[in-house]
Full PDB file with SEQRES, HELIX, SHEET, SSBOND, CRYST1, ORIGX, SCALE, CONECT and MASTER records, all heavy atoms in Angstrom:
SEQRES   1 A   43  PHE ALA ALA GLY THR SER ARG LEU ARG GLY LEU GLY GLU          
SEQRES   2 A   43  LEU ARG VAL LYS GLU SER ASP ARG LEU ALA SER THR VAL          
SEQRES   3 A   43  ALA LEU LEU GLN ALA ASN GLY VAL GLU VAL GLU THR GLU          
SEQRES   4 A   43  GLY ASP ASP LEU                                              
HELIX    1 AA1 GLY A   12  VAL A   16  5                                   5    
HELIX    2 AA2 ARG A   21  GLN A   30  1                                  10    
CRYST1    1.000    1.000    1.000  90.00  90.00  90.00 P 1           1          
ORIGX1      1.000000  0.000000  0.000000        0.00000                         
ORIGX2      0.000000  1.000000  0.000000        0.00000                         
ORIGX3      0.000000  0.000000  1.000000        0.00000                         
SCALE1      1.000000  0.000000  0.000000        0.00000                         
SCALE2      0.000000  1.000000  0.000000        0.00000                         
SCALE3      0.000000  0.000000  1.000000        0.00000                         
ATOM      1  N   PHE A   1      76.369  20.659  46.405  1.00  0.00           N  
ATOM      2  CA  PHE A   1      77.112  21.744  47.000  1.00  0.00           C  
ATOM      3  C   PHE A   1      77.444  22.832  45.980  1.00  0.00           C  
ATOM      4  O   PHE A   1      78.088  23.797  46.290  1.00  0.00           O  
ATOM      5  CB  PHE A   1      78.416  21.195  47.541  1.00  0.00           C  
ATOM      6  CG  PHE A   1      78.273  20.358  48.747  1.00  0.00           C  
ATOM      7  CD1 PHE A   1      77.999  18.964  48.724  1.00  0.00           C  
ATOM      8  CD2 PHE A   1      78.344  20.916  50.028  1.00  0.00           C  
ATOM      9  CE1 PHE A   1      77.838  18.245  49.851  1.00  0.00           C  
ATOM     10  CE2 PHE A   1      78.243  20.208  51.197  1.00  0.00           C  
ATOM     11  CZ  PHE A   1      77.925  18.836  51.128  1.00  0.00           C  
ATOM     12  N   ALA A   2      77.079  22.679  44.700  1.00  0.00           N  
ATOM     13  CA  ALA A   2      77.409  23.636  43.678  1.00  0.00           C  
ATOM     14  C   ALA A   2      76.442  24.777  43.651  1.00  0.00           C  
ATOM     15  O   ALA A   2      75.323  24.730  44.193  1.00  0.00           O  
ATOM     16  CB  ALA A   2      77.397  22.926  42.311  1.00  0.00           C  
ATOM     17  N   ALA A   3      76.824  25.839  43.047  1.00  0.00           N  
ATOM     18  CA  ALA A   3      75.995  27.045  42.863  1.00  0.00           C  
ATOM     19  C   ALA A   3      75.075  26.845  41.652  1.00  0.00           C  
ATOM     20  O   ALA A   3      75.573  26.771  40.504  1.00  0.00           O  
ATOM     21  CB  ALA A   3      76.823  28.257  42.725  1.00  0.00           C  
ATOM     22  N   GLY A   4      73.764  26.787  41.862  1.00  0.00           N  
ATOM     23  CA  GLY A   4      72.847  26.714  40.784  1.00  0.00           C  
ATOM     24  C   GLY A   4      72.165  25.343  40.672  1.00  0.00           C  
ATOM     25  O   GLY A   4      72.380  24.433  41.523  1.00  0.00           O  
ATOM     26  N   THR A   5      71.335  25.154  39.639  1.00  0.00           N  
ATOM     27  CA  THR A   5      70.594  23.927  39.466  1.00  0.00           C  
ATOM     28  C   THR A   5      71.238  23.042  38.394  1.00  0.00           C  
ATOM     29  O   THR A   5      71.432  23.507  37.281  1.00  0.00           O  
ATOM     30  CB  THR A   5      69.134  24.233  39.065  1.00  0.00           C  
ATOM     31  OG1 THR A   5      68.512  24.999  40.144  1.00  0.00           O  
ATOM     32  CG2 THR A   5      68.358  22.993  38.777  1.00  0.00           C  
ATOM     33  N   SER A   6      71.533  21.831  38.749  1.00  0.00           N  
ATOM     34  CA  SER A   6      72.206  20.913  37.880  1.00  0.00           C  
ATOM     35  C   SER A   6      71.158  19.901  37.279  1.00  0.00           C  
ATOM     36  O   SER A   6      70.207  19.607  38.023  1.00  0.00           O  
ATOM     37  CB  SER A   6      73.322  20.122  38.536  1.00  0.00           C  
ATOM     38  OG  SER A   6      74.362  20.947  38.929  1.00  0.00           O  
ATOM     39  N   ARG A   7      71.322  19.444  36.062  1.00  0.00           N  
ATOM     40  CA  ARG A   7      70.549  18.438  35.543  1.00  0.00           C  
ATOM     41  C   ARG A   7      71.403  17.354  34.941  1.00  0.00           C  
ATOM     42  O   ARG A   7      72.238  17.591  34.108  1.00  0.00           O  
ATOM     43  CB  ARG A   7      69.617  19.038  34.372  1.00  0.00           C  
ATOM     44  CG  ARG A   7      68.672  17.966  33.756  1.00  0.00           C  
ATOM     45  CD  ARG A   7      67.851  18.581  32.629  1.00  0.00           C  
ATOM     46  NE  ARG A   7      66.793  19.386  33.173  1.00  0.00           N  
ATOM     47  CZ  ARG A   7      65.575  19.018  33.497  1.00  0.00           C  
ATOM     48  NH1 ARG A   7      65.231  17.743  33.355  1.00  0.00           N  
ATOM     49  NH2 ARG A   7      64.703  19.909  34.039  1.00  0.00           N  
ATOM     50  N   LEU A   8      71.217  16.132  35.456  1.00  0.00           N  
ATOM     51  CA  LEU A   8      71.912  14.942  34.954  1.00  0.00           C  
ATOM     52  C   LEU A   8      70.948  14.147  34.184  1.00  0.00           C  
ATOM     53  O   LEU A   8      69.930  13.581  34.671  1.00  0.00           O  
ATOM     54  CB  LEU A   8      72.442  14.133  36.177  1.00  0.00           C  
ATOM     55  CG  LEU A   8      73.100  14.997  37.319  1.00  0.00           C  
ATOM     56  CD1 LEU A   8      73.659  14.028  38.370  1.00  0.00           C  
ATOM     57  CD2 LEU A   8      74.231  15.817  36.767  1.00  0.00           C  
ATOM     58  N   ARG A   9      71.193  13.962  32.883  1.00  0.00           N  
ATOM     59  CA  ARG A   9      70.211  13.501  31.940  1.00  0.00           C  
ATOM     60  C   ARG A   9      70.419  11.990  31.613  1.00  0.00           C  
ATOM     61  O   ARG A   9      71.531  11.503  31.613  1.00  0.00           O  
ATOM     62  CB  ARG A   9      70.243  14.252  30.613  1.00  0.00           C  
ATOM     63  CG  ARG A   9      69.939  15.740  30.760  1.00  0.00           C  
ATOM     64  CD  ARG A   9      70.083  16.504  29.507  1.00  0.00           C  
ATOM     65  NE  ARG A   9      69.853  17.937  29.646  1.00  0.00           N  
ATOM     66  CZ  ARG A   9      68.669  18.562  29.643  1.00  0.00           C  
ATOM     67  NH1 ARG A   9      67.603  17.829  29.346  1.00  0.00           N  
ATOM     68  NH2 ARG A   9      68.571  19.849  29.780  1.00  0.00           N  
ATOM     69  N   GLY A  10      69.283  11.321  31.322  1.00  0.00           N  
ATOM     70  CA  GLY A  10      69.373   9.953  30.784  1.00  0.00           C  
ATOM     71  C   GLY A  10      69.921   8.914  31.726  1.00  0.00           C  
ATOM     72  O   GLY A  10      70.761   8.108  31.384  1.00  0.00           O  
ATOM     73  N   LEU A  11      69.374   8.847  32.999  1.00  0.00           N  
ATOM     74  CA  LEU A  11      69.908   7.956  34.025  1.00  0.00           C  
ATOM     75  C   LEU A  11      69.075   6.734  34.259  1.00  0.00           C  
ATOM     76  O   LEU A  11      69.143   6.154  35.334  1.00  0.00           O  
ATOM     77  CB  LEU A  11      70.043   8.738  35.364  1.00  0.00           C  
ATOM     78  CG  LEU A  11      70.875  10.009  35.242  1.00  0.00           C  
ATOM     79  CD1 LEU A  11      71.146  10.566  36.679  1.00  0.00           C  
ATOM     80  CD2 LEU A  11      72.197   9.784  34.521  1.00  0.00           C  
ATOM     81  N   GLY A  12      68.321   6.267  33.262  1.00  0.00           N  
ATOM     82  CA  GLY A  12      67.530   5.054  33.414  1.00  0.00           C  
ATOM     83  C   GLY A  12      68.301   3.844  33.784  1.00  0.00           C  
ATOM     84  O   GLY A  12      67.813   2.954  34.515  1.00  0.00           O  
ATOM     85  N   GLU A  13      69.531   3.715  33.342  1.00  0.00           N  
ATOM     86  CA  GLU A  13      70.384   2.577  33.690  1.00  0.00           C  
ATOM     87  C   GLU A  13      70.609   2.450  35.173  1.00  0.00           C  
ATOM     88  O   GLU A  13      70.797   1.296  35.705  1.00  0.00           O  
ATOM     89  CB  GLU A  13      71.726   2.713  32.946  1.00  0.00           C  
ATOM     90  CG  GLU A  13      72.773   1.649  33.274  1.00  0.00           C  
ATOM     91  CD  GLU A  13      72.423   0.290  32.615  1.00  0.00           C  
ATOM     92  OE1 GLU A  13      71.440   0.211  31.906  1.00  0.00           O  
ATOM     93  OE2 GLU A  13      73.061  -0.676  32.922  1.00  0.00           O  
ATOM     94  N   LEU A  14      70.501   3.592  35.951  1.00  0.00           N  
ATOM     95  CA  LEU A  14      70.733   3.500  37.369  1.00  0.00           C  
ATOM     96  C   LEU A  14      69.685   2.773  38.103  1.00  0.00           C  
ATOM     97  O   LEU A  14      69.842   2.366  39.217  1.00  0.00           O  
ATOM     98  CB  LEU A  14      70.828   4.927  37.929  1.00  0.00           C  
ATOM     99  CG  LEU A  14      72.066   5.733  37.542  1.00  0.00           C  
ATOM    100  CD1 LEU A  14      72.105   7.085  38.267  1.00  0.00           C  
ATOM    101  CD2 LEU A  14      73.388   5.010  37.858  1.00  0.00           C  
ATOM    102  N   ARG A  15      68.536   2.567  37.445  1.00  0.00           N  
ATOM    103  CA  ARG A  15      67.396   1.884  38.138  1.00  0.00           C  
ATOM    104  C   ARG A  15      67.640   0.426  38.299  1.00  0.00           C  
ATOM    105  O   ARG A  15      66.936  -0.253  39.074  1.00  0.00           O  
ATOM    106  CB  ARG A  15      66.114   2.085  37.349  1.00  0.00           C  
ATOM    107  CG  ARG A  15      65.702   3.573  37.177  1.00  0.00           C  
ATOM    108  CD  ARG A  15      64.365   3.749  36.549  1.00  0.00           C  
ATOM    109  NE  ARG A  15      64.082   5.106  36.193  1.00  0.00           N  
ATOM    110  CZ  ARG A  15      63.554   6.004  37.055  1.00  0.00           C  
ATOM    111  NH1 ARG A  15      63.326   5.652  38.309  1.00  0.00           N  
ATOM    112  NH2 ARG A  15      63.310   7.227  36.638  1.00  0.00           N  
ATOM    113  N   VAL A  16      68.664  -0.187  37.578  1.00  0.00           N  
ATOM    114  CA  VAL A  16      68.961  -1.575  37.603  1.00  0.00           C  
ATOM    115  C   VAL A  16      70.343  -1.897  38.156  1.00  0.00           C  
ATOM    116  O   VAL A  16      70.964  -2.879  37.768  1.00  0.00           O  
ATOM    117  CB  VAL A  16      68.706  -2.262  36.262  1.00  0.00           C  
ATOM    118  CG1 VAL A  16      67.233  -2.201  35.915  1.00  0.00           C  
ATOM    119  CG2 VAL A  16      69.550  -1.582  35.166  1.00  0.00           C  
ATOM    120  N   LYS A  17      70.862  -1.036  38.992  1.00  0.00           N  
ATOM    121  CA  LYS A  17      72.110  -1.255  39.655  1.00  0.00           C  
ATOM    122  C   LYS A  17      71.931  -2.056  40.911  1.00  0.00           C  
ATOM    123  O   LYS A  17      70.854  -2.669  41.130  1.00  0.00           O  
ATOM    124  CB  LYS A  17      72.883   0.023  39.849  1.00  0.00           C  
ATOM    125  CG  LYS A  17      73.362   0.643  38.576  1.00  0.00           C  
ATOM    126  CD  LYS A  17      74.524  -0.149  37.957  1.00  0.00           C  
ATOM    127  CE  LYS A  17      75.082   0.488  36.761  1.00  0.00           C  
ATOM    128  NZ  LYS A  17      76.214  -0.313  36.157  1.00  0.00           N  
ATOM    129  N   GLU A  18      72.899  -1.988  41.868  1.00  0.00           N  
ATOM    130  CA  GLU A  18      72.840  -2.764  43.104  1.00  0.00           C  
ATOM    131  C   GLU A  18      71.505  -2.451  43.854  1.00  0.00           C  
ATOM    132  O   GLU A  18      70.962  -3.294  44.515  1.00  0.00           O  
ATOM    133  CB  GLU A  18      74.028  -2.474  43.984  1.00  0.00           C  
ATOM    134  CG  GLU A  18      75.275  -3.136  43.626  1.00  0.00           C  
ATOM    135  CD  GLU A  18      75.992  -2.491  42.427  1.00  0.00           C  
ATOM    136  OE1 GLU A  18      75.405  -1.650  41.739  1.00  0.00           O  
ATOM    137  OE2 GLU A  18      77.228  -2.829  42.242  1.00  0.00           O  
ATOM    138  N   SER A  19      71.105  -1.225  43.773  1.00  0.00           N  
ATOM    139  CA  SER A  19      69.736  -0.857  44.250  1.00  0.00           C  
ATOM    140  C   SER A  19      69.159  -0.136  43.076  1.00  0.00           C  
ATOM    141  O   SER A  19      69.703   0.000  41.983  1.00  0.00           O  
ATOM    142  CB  SER A  19      69.878   0.095  45.440  1.00  0.00           C  
ATOM    143  OG  SER A  19      70.519   1.235  45.127  1.00  0.00           O  
ATOM    144  N   ASP A  20      67.893   0.416  43.231  1.00  0.00           N  
ATOM    145  CA  ASP A  20      67.444   1.410  42.264  1.00  0.00           C  
ATOM    146  C   ASP A  20      68.247   2.593  42.589  1.00  0.00           C  
ATOM    147  O   ASP A  20      67.884   3.445  43.430  1.00  0.00           O  
ATOM    148  CB  ASP A  20      65.924   1.641  42.383  1.00  0.00           C  
ATOM    149  CG  ASP A  20      65.364   2.719  41.433  1.00  0.00           C  
ATOM    150  OD1 ASP A  20      66.204   3.478  40.911  1.00  0.00           O  
ATOM    151  OD2 ASP A  20      64.183   2.695  41.215  1.00  0.00           O  
ATOM    152  N   ARG A  21      69.420   2.754  41.962  1.00  0.00           N  
ATOM    153  CA  ARG A  21      70.362   3.659  42.361  1.00  0.00           C  
ATOM    154  C   ARG A  21      69.848   5.143  42.150  1.00  0.00           C  
ATOM    155  O   ARG A  21      70.317   6.073  42.826  1.00  0.00           O  
ATOM    156  CB  ARG A  21      71.707   3.452  41.650  1.00  0.00           C  
ATOM    157  CG  ARG A  21      72.913   4.145  42.296  1.00  0.00           C  
ATOM    158  CD  ARG A  21      74.181   3.654  41.725  1.00  0.00           C  
ATOM    159  NE  ARG A  21      74.757   2.541  42.396  1.00  0.00           N  
ATOM    160  CZ  ARG A  21      75.782   1.786  41.944  1.00  0.00           C  
ATOM    161  NH1 ARG A  21      76.311   2.096  40.824  1.00  0.00           N  
ATOM    162  NH2 ARG A  21      76.249   0.820  42.606  1.00  0.00           N  
ATOM    163  N   LEU A  22      68.983   5.329  41.179  1.00  0.00           N  
ATOM    164  CA  LEU A  22      68.441   6.691  41.021  1.00  0.00           C  
ATOM    165  C   LEU A  22      67.541   7.066  42.124  1.00  0.00           C  
ATOM    166  O   LEU A  22      67.656   8.135  42.702  1.00  0.00           O  
ATOM    167  CB  LEU A  22      67.628   6.693  39.683  1.00  0.00           C  
ATOM    168  CG  LEU A  22      67.076   8.013  39.265  1.00  0.00           C  
ATOM    169  CD1 LEU A  22      68.197   9.127  39.173  1.00  0.00           C  
ATOM    170  CD2 LEU A  22      66.330   7.912  37.894  1.00  0.00           C  
ATOM    171  N   ALA A  23      66.613   6.206  42.557  1.00  0.00           N  
ATOM    172  CA  ALA A  23      65.792   6.462  43.660  1.00  0.00           C  
ATOM    173  C   ALA A  23      66.570   6.605  45.009  1.00  0.00           C  
ATOM    174  O   ALA A  23      66.292   7.416  45.835  1.00  0.00           O  
ATOM    175  CB  ALA A  23      64.699   5.373  43.815  1.00  0.00           C  
ATOM    176  N   SER A  24      67.579   5.764  45.109  1.00  0.00           N  
ATOM    177  CA  SER A  24      68.430   5.825  46.329  1.00  0.00           C  
ATOM    178  C   SER A  24      69.224   7.114  46.415  1.00  0.00           C  
ATOM    179  O   SER A  24      69.382   7.696  47.507  1.00  0.00           O  
ATOM    180  CB  SER A  24      69.387   4.629  46.349  1.00  0.00           C  
ATOM    181  OG  SER A  24      68.678   3.363  46.407  1.00  0.00           O  
ATOM    182  N   THR A  25      69.663   7.605  45.268  1.00  0.00           N  
ATOM    183  CA  THR A  25      70.433   8.865  45.248  1.00  0.00           C  
ATOM    184  C   THR A  25      69.498  10.023  45.625  1.00  0.00           C  
ATOM    185  O   THR A  25      69.863  10.900  46.399  1.00  0.00           O  
ATOM    186  CB  THR A  25      71.033   9.069  43.887  1.00  0.00           C  
ATOM    187  OG1 THR A  25      71.977   8.046  43.626  1.00  0.00           O  
ATOM    188  CG2 THR A  25      71.799  10.436  43.858  1.00  0.00           C  
ATOM    189  N   VAL A  26      68.269  10.017  45.131  1.00  0.00           N  
ATOM    190  CA  VAL A  26      67.302  11.004  45.481  1.00  0.00           C  
ATOM    191  C   VAL A  26      67.037  11.005  46.967  1.00  0.00           C  
ATOM    192  O   VAL A  26      67.000  12.011  47.684  1.00  0.00           O  
ATOM    193  CB  VAL A  26      65.950  10.825  44.710  1.00  0.00           C  
ATOM    194  CG1 VAL A  26      64.896  11.681  45.227  1.00  0.00           C  
ATOM    195  CG2 VAL A  26      66.242  11.135  43.215  1.00  0.00           C  
ATOM    196  N   ALA A  27      66.849   9.789  47.498  1.00  0.00           N  
ATOM    197  CA  ALA A  27      66.551   9.615  48.983  1.00  0.00           C  
ATOM    198  C   ALA A  27      67.747  10.119  49.822  1.00  0.00           C  
ATOM    199  O   ALA A  27      67.504  10.752  50.825  1.00  0.00           O  
ATOM    200  CB  ALA A  27      66.241   8.157  49.281  1.00  0.00           C  
ATOM    201  N   LEU A  28      68.958   9.822  49.353  1.00  0.00           N  
ATOM    202  CA  LEU A  28      70.176  10.324  50.117  1.00  0.00           C  
ATOM    203  C   LEU A  28      70.199  11.799  50.170  1.00  0.00           C  
ATOM    204  O   LEU A  28      70.414  12.388  51.263  1.00  0.00           O  
ATOM    205  CB  LEU A  28      71.409   9.783  49.349  1.00  0.00           C  
ATOM    206  CG  LEU A  28      72.726  10.491  49.663  1.00  0.00           C  
ATOM    207  CD1 LEU A  28      73.161  10.287  51.074  1.00  0.00           C  
ATOM    208  CD2 LEU A  28      73.800   9.947  48.699  1.00  0.00           C  
ATOM    209  N   LEU A  29      69.929  12.467  49.064  1.00  0.00           N  
ATOM    210  CA  LEU A  29      69.983  13.936  49.050  1.00  0.00           C  
ATOM    211  C   LEU A  29      68.820  14.557  49.829  1.00  0.00           C  
ATOM    212  O   LEU A  29      69.038  15.527  50.672  1.00  0.00           O  
ATOM    213  CB  LEU A  29      69.971  14.427  47.602  1.00  0.00           C  
ATOM    214  CG  LEU A  29      71.211  14.023  46.764  1.00  0.00           C  
ATOM    215  CD1 LEU A  29      71.060  14.630  45.353  1.00  0.00           C  
ATOM    216  CD2 LEU A  29      72.524  14.525  47.439  1.00  0.00           C  
ATOM    217  N   GLN A  30      67.629  14.043  49.673  1.00  0.00           N  
ATOM    218  CA  GLN A  30      66.441  14.608  50.315  1.00  0.00           C  
ATOM    219  C   GLN A  30      66.576  14.447  51.842  1.00  0.00           C  
ATOM    220  O   GLN A  30      66.232  15.345  52.629  1.00  0.00           O  
ATOM    221  CB  GLN A  30      65.158  13.958  49.832  1.00  0.00           C  
ATOM    222  CG  GLN A  30      64.796  14.390  48.416  1.00  0.00           C  
ATOM    223  CD  GLN A  30      63.534  13.665  47.978  1.00  0.00           C  
ATOM    224  OE1 GLN A  30      63.151  12.619  48.416  1.00  0.00           O  
ATOM    225  NE2 GLN A  30      62.854  14.294  46.912  1.00  0.00           N  
ATOM    226  N   ALA A  31      67.111  13.309  52.288  1.00  0.00           N  
ATOM    227  CA  ALA A  31      67.222  13.114  53.704  1.00  0.00           C  
ATOM    228  C   ALA A  31      68.240  14.078  54.359  1.00  0.00           C  
ATOM    229  O   ALA A  31      68.183  14.314  55.589  1.00  0.00           O  
ATOM    230  CB  ALA A  31      67.719  11.685  53.987  1.00  0.00           C  
ATOM    231  N   ASN A  32      69.060  14.735  53.510  1.00  0.00           N  
ATOM    232  CA  ASN A  32      70.021  15.701  54.099  1.00  0.00           C  
ATOM    233  C   ASN A  32      69.812  17.127  53.559  1.00  0.00           C  
ATOM    234  O   ASN A  32      70.785  17.862  53.472  1.00  0.00           O  
ATOM    235  CB  ASN A  32      71.459  15.169  53.608  1.00  0.00           C  
ATOM    236  CG  ASN A  32      71.855  13.996  54.410  1.00  0.00           C  
ATOM    237  OD1 ASN A  32      72.251  14.055  55.577  1.00  0.00           O  
ATOM    238  ND2 ASN A  32      71.760  12.839  53.814  1.00  0.00           N  
ATOM    239  N   GLY A  33      68.582  17.437  53.335  1.00  0.00           N  
ATOM    240  CA  GLY A  33      68.138  18.785  53.077  1.00  0.00           C  
ATOM    241  C   GLY A  33      68.381  19.364  51.723  1.00  0.00           C  
ATOM    242  O   GLY A  33      68.334  20.625  51.575  1.00  0.00           O  
ATOM    243  N   VAL A  34      68.673  18.487  50.706  1.00  0.00           N  
ATOM    244  CA  VAL A  34      68.892  18.991  49.317  1.00  0.00           C  
ATOM    245  C   VAL A  34      67.596  18.915  48.558  1.00  0.00           C  
ATOM    246  O   VAL A  34      66.886  17.897  48.599  1.00  0.00           O  
ATOM    247  CB  VAL A  34      69.965  18.087  48.669  1.00  0.00           C  
ATOM    248  CG1 VAL A  34      70.197  18.596  47.226  1.00  0.00           C  
ATOM    249  CG2 VAL A  34      71.261  18.141  49.447  1.00  0.00           C  
ATOM    250  N   GLU A  35      67.329  19.987  47.834  1.00  0.00           N  
ATOM    251  CA  GLU A  35      66.142  20.002  46.935  1.00  0.00           C  
ATOM    252  C   GLU A  35      66.451  19.192  45.665  1.00  0.00           C  
ATOM    253  O   GLU A  35      67.413  19.595  44.964  1.00  0.00           O  
ATOM    254  CB  GLU A  35      65.733  21.450  46.631  1.00  0.00           C  
ATOM    255  CG  GLU A  35      65.207  22.220  47.808  1.00  0.00           C  
ATOM    256  CD  GLU A  35      64.897  23.615  47.425  1.00  0.00           C  
ATOM    257  OE1 GLU A  35      64.245  23.799  46.331  1.00  0.00           O  
ATOM    258  OE2 GLU A  35      65.138  24.555  48.155  1.00  0.00           O  
ATOM    259  N   VAL A  36      65.765  18.221  45.338  1.00  0.00           N  
ATOM    260  CA  VAL A  36      66.062  17.314  44.230  1.00  0.00           C  
ATOM    261  C   VAL A  36      64.754  16.650  43.713  1.00  0.00           C  
ATOM    262  O   VAL A  36      63.884  16.387  44.512  1.00  0.00           O  
ATOM    263  CB  VAL A  36      67.101  16.191  44.600  1.00  0.00           C  
ATOM    264  CG1 VAL A  36      66.629  15.406  45.792  1.00  0.00           C  
ATOM    265  CG2 VAL A  36      67.459  15.380  43.474  1.00  0.00           C  
ATOM    266  N   GLU A  37      64.695  16.445  42.381  1.00  0.00           N  
ATOM    267  CA  GLU A  37      63.540  15.725  41.867  1.00  0.00           C  
ATOM    268  C   GLU A  37      64.000  15.020  40.579  1.00  0.00           C  
ATOM    269  O   GLU A  37      65.041  15.350  40.018  1.00  0.00           O  
ATOM    270  CB  GLU A  37      62.398  16.666  41.511  1.00  0.00           C  
ATOM    271  CG  GLU A  37      62.646  17.753  40.478  1.00  0.00           C  
ATOM    272  CD  GLU A  37      63.009  19.059  41.135  1.00  0.00           C  
ATOM    273  OE1 GLU A  37      63.072  19.243  42.349  1.00  0.00           O  
ATOM    274  OE2 GLU A  37      63.252  20.014  40.349  1.00  0.00           O  
ATOM    275  N   THR A  38      63.186  14.034  40.205  1.00  0.00           N  
ATOM    276  CA  THR A  38      63.479  13.362  38.927  1.00  0.00           C  
ATOM    277  C   THR A  38      62.357  13.846  37.933  1.00  0.00           C  
ATOM    278  O   THR A  38      61.182  14.067  38.318  1.00  0.00           O  
ATOM    279  CB  THR A  38      63.341  11.866  39.075  1.00  0.00           C  
ATOM    280  OG1 THR A  38      62.062  11.469  39.606  1.00  0.00           O  
ATOM    281  CG2 THR A  38      64.439  11.333  39.972  1.00  0.00           C  
ATOM    282  N   GLU A  39      62.815  13.948  36.681  1.00  0.00           N  
ATOM    283  CA  GLU A  39      61.917  14.271  35.576  1.00  0.00           C  
ATOM    284  C   GLU A  39      62.144  13.194  34.492  1.00  0.00           C  
ATOM    285  O   GLU A  39      63.166  13.332  33.763  1.00  0.00           O  
ATOM    286  CB  GLU A  39      62.085  15.696  35.057  1.00  0.00           C  
ATOM    287  CG  GLU A  39      61.733  16.731  36.110  1.00  0.00           C  
ATOM    288  CD  GLU A  39      62.003  18.175  35.630  1.00  0.00           C  
ATOM    289  OE1 GLU A  39      62.393  18.302  34.374  1.00  0.00           O  
ATOM    290  OE2 GLU A  39      61.794  19.126  36.379  1.00  0.00           O  
ATOM    291  N   GLY A  40      61.349  12.178  34.438  1.00  0.00           N  
ATOM    292  CA  GLY A  40      61.634  11.002  33.635  1.00  0.00           C  
ATOM    293  C   GLY A  40      62.833  10.342  34.107  1.00  0.00           C  
ATOM    294  O   GLY A  40      62.950   9.943  35.238  1.00  0.00           O  
ATOM    295  N   ASP A  41      63.897  10.246  33.236  1.00  0.00           N  
ATOM    296  CA  ASP A  41      65.125   9.632  33.643  1.00  0.00           C  
ATOM    297  C   ASP A  41      66.226  10.716  33.932  1.00  0.00           C  
ATOM    298  O   ASP A  41      67.429  10.414  34.053  1.00  0.00           O  
ATOM    299  CB  ASP A  41      65.705   8.733  32.515  1.00  0.00           C  
ATOM    300  CG  ASP A  41      64.949   7.447  32.406  1.00  0.00           C  
ATOM    301  OD1 ASP A  41      64.307   7.040  33.450  1.00  0.00           O  
ATOM    302  OD2 ASP A  41      64.940   6.832  31.346  1.00  0.00           O  
ATOM    303  N   ASP A  42      65.737  11.992  34.095  1.00  0.00           N  
ATOM    304  CA  ASP A  42      66.678  13.011  34.438  1.00  0.00           C  
ATOM    305  C   ASP A  42      66.656  13.361  35.999  1.00  0.00           C  
ATOM    306  O   ASP A  42      65.604  13.155  36.592  1.00  0.00           O  
ATOM    307  CB  ASP A  42      66.318  14.376  33.768  1.00  0.00           C  
ATOM    308  CG  ASP A  42      66.542  14.278  32.245  1.00  0.00           C  
ATOM    309  OD1 ASP A  42      67.025  13.223  31.776  1.00  0.00           O  
ATOM    310  OD2 ASP A  42      66.179  15.259  31.553  1.00  0.00           O  
ATOM    311  N   LEU A  43      67.819  13.663  36.498  1.00  0.00           N  
ATOM    312  CA  LEU A  43      67.911  14.062  37.927  1.00  0.00           C  
ATOM    313  C   LEU A  43      68.222  15.535  37.972  1.00  0.00           C  
ATOM    314  O   LEU A  43      69.229  16.029  37.392  1.00  0.00           O  
ATOM    315  CB  LEU A  43      69.050  13.235  38.636  1.00  0.00           C  
ATOM    316  CG  LEU A  43      69.244  13.431  40.087  1.00  0.00           C  
ATOM    317  CD1 LEU A  43      67.961  12.998  40.874  1.00  0.00           C  
ATOM    318  CD2 LEU A  43      70.403  12.597  40.545  1.00  0.00           C  
TER     319      LEU A  43                                                      
MASTER        0    0    0    2    0    0    0    6  318    1    0    4          
END                                                                             
């Protein structure tokens, strides 16, 4: 919801949470019309 492009760096730890939380977060946003991608461990 913010103005501009955000980068959240170094999120490899999220891949071993209750789900692959990084992939799940990407799916949550994409399903609701948000442009998002991962670059390595950055969101």
